[in-house]
């Protein structure tokens, strides 16, 4: 079924459907598929076929947060496409996900509230005509998976996840947003640590892991937030003893309060951004199951998208 009629041509115009070869991918990996344009009652000329990656965004301003939907990557697929009346024209594509694309799935479990989609636009006479929006399930890299496994081993429980507009202090970022995956701490830290937020900033060669132990709310008097930052190659991250590293940092954060002894404080303020996950027993896959939906955000890198972030068709 062709999902969207092209409004620029009116009734009887062509329709567009984008089909992904697989909805599963990961940061730095390529999503492949086809844009299928079904000709209408008359020949049609399409100037450009454009694909973009979109997500919901949360932006903090004046002490308040607002949510919107925006694109953070855009790619021209083909120019000058002629669609004969009644004919099907297929345009194949390869779309590489940025390394900092938010994770939306861990193992077989979707992170509730998280969403990344491929938006199809056909530019006709200089004006974009939006078509399909297809979900992409973004799985962790092997190096990220090792960190998530350690959170499960240590007894953290998933709380929610979102993506915040902004940049992290001391961390090189290509995009203007960062994802936060929030956990309740292990039981032995209850009363000292309110929650722990995990942020990945991946690149082609290395991975930054940023941690924040949140002592806000009724724990504020205990000494504020503590930060930790670890940065290493993907290869080293796959072999590191993350349970020991995170456990030591968390113990120091609970004892000291304030900034952790692990490197420089990682945050400069939120207001100033084929591998599939595998089963992990009592790890993150189990923690997210049945959890309350998180709020998704990010930073608008392209134009605002006014309509609601809703996926068309089935996964």
Protein backbone atom coordinates (compact mmCIF):
# COMPACT_ATOMS: atom_id res chain seq x y z
CA UNK A 1 0.00 0.00 0.00
CA UNK A 2 1.38 3.40 -0.97
CA UNK A 3 1.21 5.54 2.09
CA UNK A 4 1.31 9.16 0.96
CA UNK A 5 -0.19 10.91 -2.03
CA UNK A 6 1.94 13.81 -3.24
CA UNK A 7 -0.16 16.86 -2.49
CA UNK A 8 1.68 19.05 -5.00
CA UNK A 9 0.05 17.11 -7.84
CA UNK A 10 -3.44 17.03 -6.36
CA UNK A 11 -5.95 14.19 -6.81
CA UNK A 12 -4.64 11.55 -9.17
CA UNK A 13 -1.01 12.45 -8.57
CA UNK A 14 1.78 10.00 -7.74
CA UNK A 15 2.22 8.41 -4.32
CA UNK A 16 5.38 7.47 -2.42
CA UNK A 17 6.33 4.58 -0.16
CA UNK A 18 9.75 4.08 1.40
CA UNK A 19 10.73 0.50 2.26
CA UNK A 20 13.74 -0.27 4.45
CA UNK A 21 15.60 -3.51 3.83
CA UNK A 22 15.80 -3.84 7.61
CA UNK A 23 14.59 -1.51 10.36
CA UNK A 24 17.54 -2.56 12.56
CA UNK A 25 20.81 -0.65 12.51
CA UNK A 26 23.34 1.03 14.79
CA UNK A 27 25.42 4.19 15.11
CA UNK A 28 27.77 4.57 12.17
CA UNK A 29 26.01 1.83 10.21
CA UNK A 30 24.16 2.07 6.90
CA UNK A 31 20.40 1.79 6.41
CA UNK A 32 19.47 0.61 2.93
CA UNK A 33 16.15 0.52 1.13
CA UNK A 34 14.07 1.85 -1.72
CA UNK A 35 11.90 4.88 -2.32
CA UNK A 36 9.01 3.61 -4.45
CA UNK A 37 7.08 6.21 -6.40
CA UNK A 38 3.87 5.05 -8.02
CA UNK A 39 2.83 7.11 -11.00
CA UNK A 40 -0.63 8.69 -11.00
CA UNK A 41 -2.99 9.63 -13.80
CA UNK A 42 -0.41 11.83 -15.58
CA UNK A 43 3.36 11.97 -16.01
CA UNK A 44 5.17 13.72 -13.15
CA UNK A 45 8.60 15.31 -12.72
CA UNK A 46 10.29 15.29 -9.31
CA UNK A 47 13.25 17.60 -8.77
CA UNK A 48 14.86 15.81 -5.81
CA UNK A 49 14.44 12.75 -3.60
CA UNK A 50 15.69 13.62 -0.10
CA UNK A 51 15.96 11.48 3.04
CA UNK A 52 16.42 12.81 6.55
CA UNK A 53 16.73 11.39 10.06
CA UNK A 54 14.34 12.84 12.61
CA UNK A 55 13.65 12.51 16.31
CA UNK A 56 11.75 14.30 19.04
CA UNK A 57 13.66 17.05 20.84
CA UNK A 58 13.58 18.63 24.27
CA UNK A 59 14.95 22.15 24.65
CA UNK A 60 15.38 23.89 27.98
CA UNK A 61 14.85 27.65 28.09
CA UNK A 62 13.97 29.98 30.92
CA UNK A 63 13.72 27.14 33.39
CA UNK A 64 11.13 25.34 31.24
CA UNK A 65 11.38 22.50 28.75
CA UNK A 66 9.59 22.32 25.42
CA UNK A 67 9.36 19.36 23.05
CA UNK A 68 9.45 19.47 19.27
CA UNK A 69 10.42 17.25 16.37
CA UNK A 70 13.34 18.01 14.12
CA UNK A 71 15.82 16.50 11.72
CA UNK A 72 19.48 15.94 12.56
CA UNK A 73 20.79 14.48 9.29
CA UNK A 74 19.80 15.11 5.66
CA UNK A 75 20.88 13.41 2.43
CA UNK A 76 20.10 14.01 -1.25
CA UNK A 77 19.38 10.63 -2.84
CA UNK A 78 18.59 11.50 -6.46
CA UNK A 79 17.77 14.45 -8.67
CA UNK A 80 15.56 14.75 -11.75
CA UNK A 81 13.24 11.75 -11.42
CA UNK A 82 10.58 11.30 -14.11
CA UNK A 83 7.55 9.24 -13.10
CA UNK A 84 5.44 8.07 -16.07
CA UNK A 85 1.69 7.76 -15.66
CA UNK A 86 0.72 4.56 -13.89
CA UNK A 87 4.33 3.30 -13.64
CA UNK A 88 6.35 2.35 -10.57
CA UNK A 89 9.75 4.06 -10.23
CA UNK A 90 12.16 2.67 -7.65
CA UNK A 91 15.03 4.72 -6.22
CA UNK A 92 17.50 2.67 -4.10
CA UNK A 93 19.42 4.38 -1.29
CA UNK A 94 22.08 3.99 1.38
CA UNK A 95 21.79 6.21 4.44
CA UNK A 96 24.57 6.17 7.04
CA UNK A 97 23.51 6.92 10.62
CA UNK A 98 25.66 9.47 12.47
CA UNK A 99 27.80 7.93 15.20
CA UNK A 100 25.92 9.95 17.83
CA UNK A 101 22.47 8.67 16.77
CA UNK A 102 20.47 7.87 19.95
CA UNK A 103 19.96 4.24 20.91
CA UNK A 104 16.32 3.18 20.68
CA UNK A 105 16.52 -0.59 21.24
CA UNK A 106 18.50 -2.85 23.58
CA UNK A 107 18.40 -6.53 22.70
CA UNK A 108 14.81 -7.33 21.77
CA UNK A 109 13.44 -4.49 23.89
CA UNK A 110 12.56 -1.04 22.58
CA UNK A 111 13.35 1.89 24.88
CA UNK A 112 9.85 3.21 25.41
CA UNK A 113 9.50 6.80 24.26
CA UNK A 114 12.66 6.76 22.15
CA UNK A 115 12.18 7.10 18.40
CA UNK A 116 14.34 7.72 15.35
CA UNK A 117 12.81 7.73 11.89
CA UNK A 118 13.74 8.07 8.22
CA UNK A 119 11.69 10.83 6.60
CA UNK A 120 11.21 10.86 2.82
CA UNK A 121 10.73 14.17 1.00
CA UNK A 122 10.15 14.73 -2.69
CA UNK A 123 11.01 18.25 -3.84
CA UNK A 124 8.64 19.36 -6.59
CA UNK A 125 9.00 22.78 -8.25
CA UNK A 126 11.26 23.88 -5.40
CA UNK A 127 8.81 22.92 -2.61
CA UNK A 128 9.23 19.82 -0.39
CA UNK A 129 6.36 17.32 -0.28
CA UNK A 130 6.81 15.12 2.78
CA UNK A 131 6.15 11.43 2.37
CA UNK A 132 6.84 8.38 4.52
CA UNK A 133 8.25 8.35 8.04
CA UNK A 134 9.72 4.92 8.80
CA UNK A 135 11.10 3.86 12.20
CA UNK A 136 14.68 2.71 12.64
CA UNK A 137 15.58 0.60 15.66
CA UNK A 138 19.04 1.81 16.66
CA UNK A 139 20.95 -0.86 18.59
CA UNK A 140 24.08 -0.26 20.70
CA UNK A 141 27.55 -0.70 19.32
CA UNK A 142 29.49 -3.63 20.84
CA UNK A 143 31.46 -1.15 22.98
CA UNK A 144 28.25 0.47 24.23
CA UNK A 145 26.74 -2.94 24.85
CA UNK A 146 29.57 -3.77 27.25
CA UNK A 147 28.78 -0.71 29.35
CA UNK A 148 25.07 -1.54 29.41
CA UNK A 149 25.88 -5.10 30.45
CA UNK A 150 27.84 -3.72 33.41
CA UNK A 151 24.85 -1.64 34.52
CA UNK A 152 22.80 -4.82 34.56
CA UNK A 153 25.47 -6.76 36.47
CA UNK A 154 25.68 -4.04 39.12
CA UNK A 155 21.93 -4.09 39.78
CA UNK A 156 20.85 -0.81 38.18
CA UNK A 157 17.19 -0.58 37.13
CA UNK A 158 16.13 1.31 34.02
CA UNK A 159 14.08 4.45 34.70
CA UNK A 160 13.64 6.22 31.35
CA UNK A 161 15.58 7.76 28.48
CA UNK A 162 15.55 11.07 26.67
CA UNK A 163 17.69 13.19 24.39
CA UNK A 164 18.64 16.69 25.48
CA UNK A 165 19.55 19.68 23.34
CA UNK A 166 22.99 21.04 24.16
CA UNK A 167 26.61 20.02 24.48
CA UNK A 168 28.71 18.27 27.10
CA UNK A 169 31.67 20.00 28.66
CA UNK A 170 34.99 18.53 27.54
CA UNK A 171 33.48 16.02 25.09
CA UNK A 172 33.86 16.35 21.31
CA UNK A 173 30.44 16.20 19.62
CA UNK A 174 29.37 16.35 15.99
CA UNK A 175 25.69 16.84 16.78
CA UNK A 176 24.15 19.37 19.13
CA UNK A 177 22.38 16.86 21.37
CA UNK A 178 23.10 13.98 23.72
CA UNK A 179 21.07 11.04 24.93
CA UNK A 180 20.57 10.36 28.62
CA UNK A 181 19.66 6.84 29.77
CA UNK A 182 18.49 7.10 33.36
CA UNK A 183 18.72 4.35 35.99
CA UNK A 184 17.73 3.83 39.58
CA UNK A 185 20.92 2.93 41.49
CA UNK A 186 21.65 -0.48 43.04
CA UNK A 187 19.80 -1.09 46.30
CA UNK A 188 22.88 -0.49 48.48
CA UNK A 189 23.05 3.12 47.28
CA UNK A 190 19.41 3.96 47.98
CA UNK A 191 19.16 7.07 50.14
CA UNK A 192 22.50 8.39 48.89
CA UNK A 193 22.06 8.40 45.11
CA UNK A 194 18.74 9.39 43.54
CA UNK A 195 19.52 8.21 40.00
CA UNK A 196 22.41 7.73 37.59
CA UNK A 197 22.37 9.09 34.04
CA UNK A 198 24.44 7.42 31.34
CA UNK A 199 25.44 9.21 28.13
CA UNK A 200 27.34 7.79 25.16
CA UNK A 201 29.16 9.99 22.66
CA UNK A 202 30.52 7.67 19.99
CA UNK A 203 32.85 8.41 17.10
CA UNK A 204 34.33 6.22 14.39
CA UNK A 205 37.33 5.31 16.55
CA UNK A 206 36.45 5.91 20.20
CA UNK A 207 33.69 6.08 22.77
CA UNK A 208 33.09 8.60 25.54
CA UNK A 209 31.04 7.35 28.50
CA UNK A 210 29.68 10.13 30.69
CA UNK A 211 28.07 9.41 34.05
CA UNK A 212 26.10 11.66 36.38
CA UNK A 213 25.03 10.61 39.87
CA UNK A 214 21.99 12.74 40.64
CA UNK A 215 21.50 13.75 44.26
CA UNK A 216 18.70 16.21 43.62
CA UNK A 217 15.25 16.27 45.25
CA UNK A 218 15.26 15.10 48.85
CA UNK A 219 18.95 14.18 48.57
CA UNK A 220 20.10 17.67 47.63
CA UNK A 221 21.57 18.35 51.05
CA UNK A 222 23.94 15.41 50.56
CA UNK A 223 26.25 17.35 48.27
CA UNK A 224 24.99 17.82 44.73
CA UNK A 225 25.68 15.85 41.57
CA UNK A 226 28.81 13.83 40.80
CA UNK A 227 30.23 13.38 37.32
CA UNK A 228 32.51 10.85 35.72
CA UNK A 229 33.92 10.53 32.22
CA UNK A 230 35.71 7.64 30.55
CA UNK A 231 37.05 7.80 27.00
CA UNK A 232 38.78 4.99 25.12
CA UNK A 233 38.90 3.26 21.77
CA UNK A 234 36.04 0.98 20.84
CA UNK A 235 38.43 -1.96 21.02
CA UNK A 236 39.54 -1.08 24.55
CA UNK A 237 35.93 -0.42 25.60
CA UNK A 238 34.96 -3.92 24.50
CA UNK A 239 37.52 -5.48 26.85
CA UNK A 240 37.41 -3.04 29.80
CA UNK A 241 36.07 -4.16 33.18
CA UNK A 242 33.16 -1.73 33.18
CA UNK A 243 31.53 -3.23 36.26
CA UNK A 244 34.67 -2.42 38.27
CA UNK A 245 35.10 1.05 36.76
CA UNK A 246 31.47 2.08 37.25
CA UNK A 247 31.26 0.46 40.67
CA UNK A 248 34.34 2.34 41.92
CA UNK A 249 33.04 5.63 40.51
CA UNK A 250 29.62 5.13 42.09
CA UNK A 251 31.15 4.34 45.48
CA UNK A 252 33.22 7.53 45.34
CA UNK A 253 30.21 9.55 44.21
CA UNK A 254 28.15 8.28 47.13
CA UNK A 255 30.92 9.04 49.62
CA UNK A 256 32.17 12.37 48.34
CA UNK A 257 29.23 14.13 46.74
CA UNK A 258 30.07 16.88 44.26
CA UNK A 259 32.42 16.13 41.35
CA UNK A 260 33.96 12.71 41.07
CA UNK A 261 37.69 12.09 41.08
CA UNK A 262 37.41 10.49 37.64
CA UNK A 263 38.74 13.13 35.26
CA UNK A 264 37.21 16.55 34.80
CA UNK A 265 33.52 17.25 35.39
CA UNK A 266 31.81 16.05 32.23
CA UNK A 267 28.94 18.51 32.08
CA UNK A 268 29.01 22.20 31.33
CA UNK A 269 25.28 22.56 31.97
CA UNK A 270 22.27 21.22 30.16
CA UNK A 271 21.05 24.66 29.08
CA UNK A 272 24.20 26.26 27.29
CA UNK A 273 23.27 17.08 23.18
CA UNK A 274 24.86 -5.09 11.44
CA UNK A 275 25.26 -5.24 15.20
CA UNK A 276 22.10 -6.07 17.07
CA UNK A 277 21.82 -6.09 20.83
CA UNK A 278 22.04 -9.53 22.38
CA UNK A 279 20.33 -11.17 25.30
CA UNK A 280 21.80 -10.18 28.65
CA UNK A 281 19.83 -12.04 31.32
CA UNK A 282 19.11 -9.57 34.08
CA UNK A 283 20.79 -6.72 32.22
CA UNK A 284 19.27 -3.69 30.54
CA UNK A 285 16.89 -5.73 28.39
CA UNK A 286 15.21 -6.91 31.59
CA UNK A 287 15.36 -3.49 33.21
CA UNK A 288 13.46 -1.72 30.46
CA UNK A 289 10.71 -4.29 30.17
CA UNK A 290 7.49 -2.83 31.54
CA UNK A 291 9.18 0.44 32.50
CA UNK A 292 7.36 3.73 32.23
CA UNK A 293 7.84 5.50 28.92
CA UNK A 294 10.72 7.97 28.80
CA UNK A 295 10.60 11.37 27.16
CA UNK A 296 12.57 11.67 23.95
CA UNK A 297 14.40 14.78 22.90
CA UNK A 298 17.29 16.06 20.87
CA UNK A 299 18.48 19.18 19.17
CA UNK A 300 16.95 20.52 16.00
CA UNK A 301 19.71 20.48 13.39
CA UNK A 302 17.50 21.14 10.38
CA UNK A 303 14.06 22.61 9.85
CA UNK A 304 11.27 22.22 12.36
CA UNK A 305 8.76 19.52 11.53
CA UNK A 306 5.36 20.73 12.55
CA UNK A 307 3.29 17.58 12.45
CA UNK A 308 3.28 15.05 15.28
CA UNK A 309 6.04 12.44 15.28
CA UNK A 310 4.00 9.49 14.09
CA UNK A 311 5.18 6.54 12.07
CA UNK A 312 3.22 5.43 9.05
CA UNK A 313 2.54 1.78 8.41
CA UNK A 314 3.87 -1.26 10.16
CA UNK A 315 7.40 -2.01 11.33
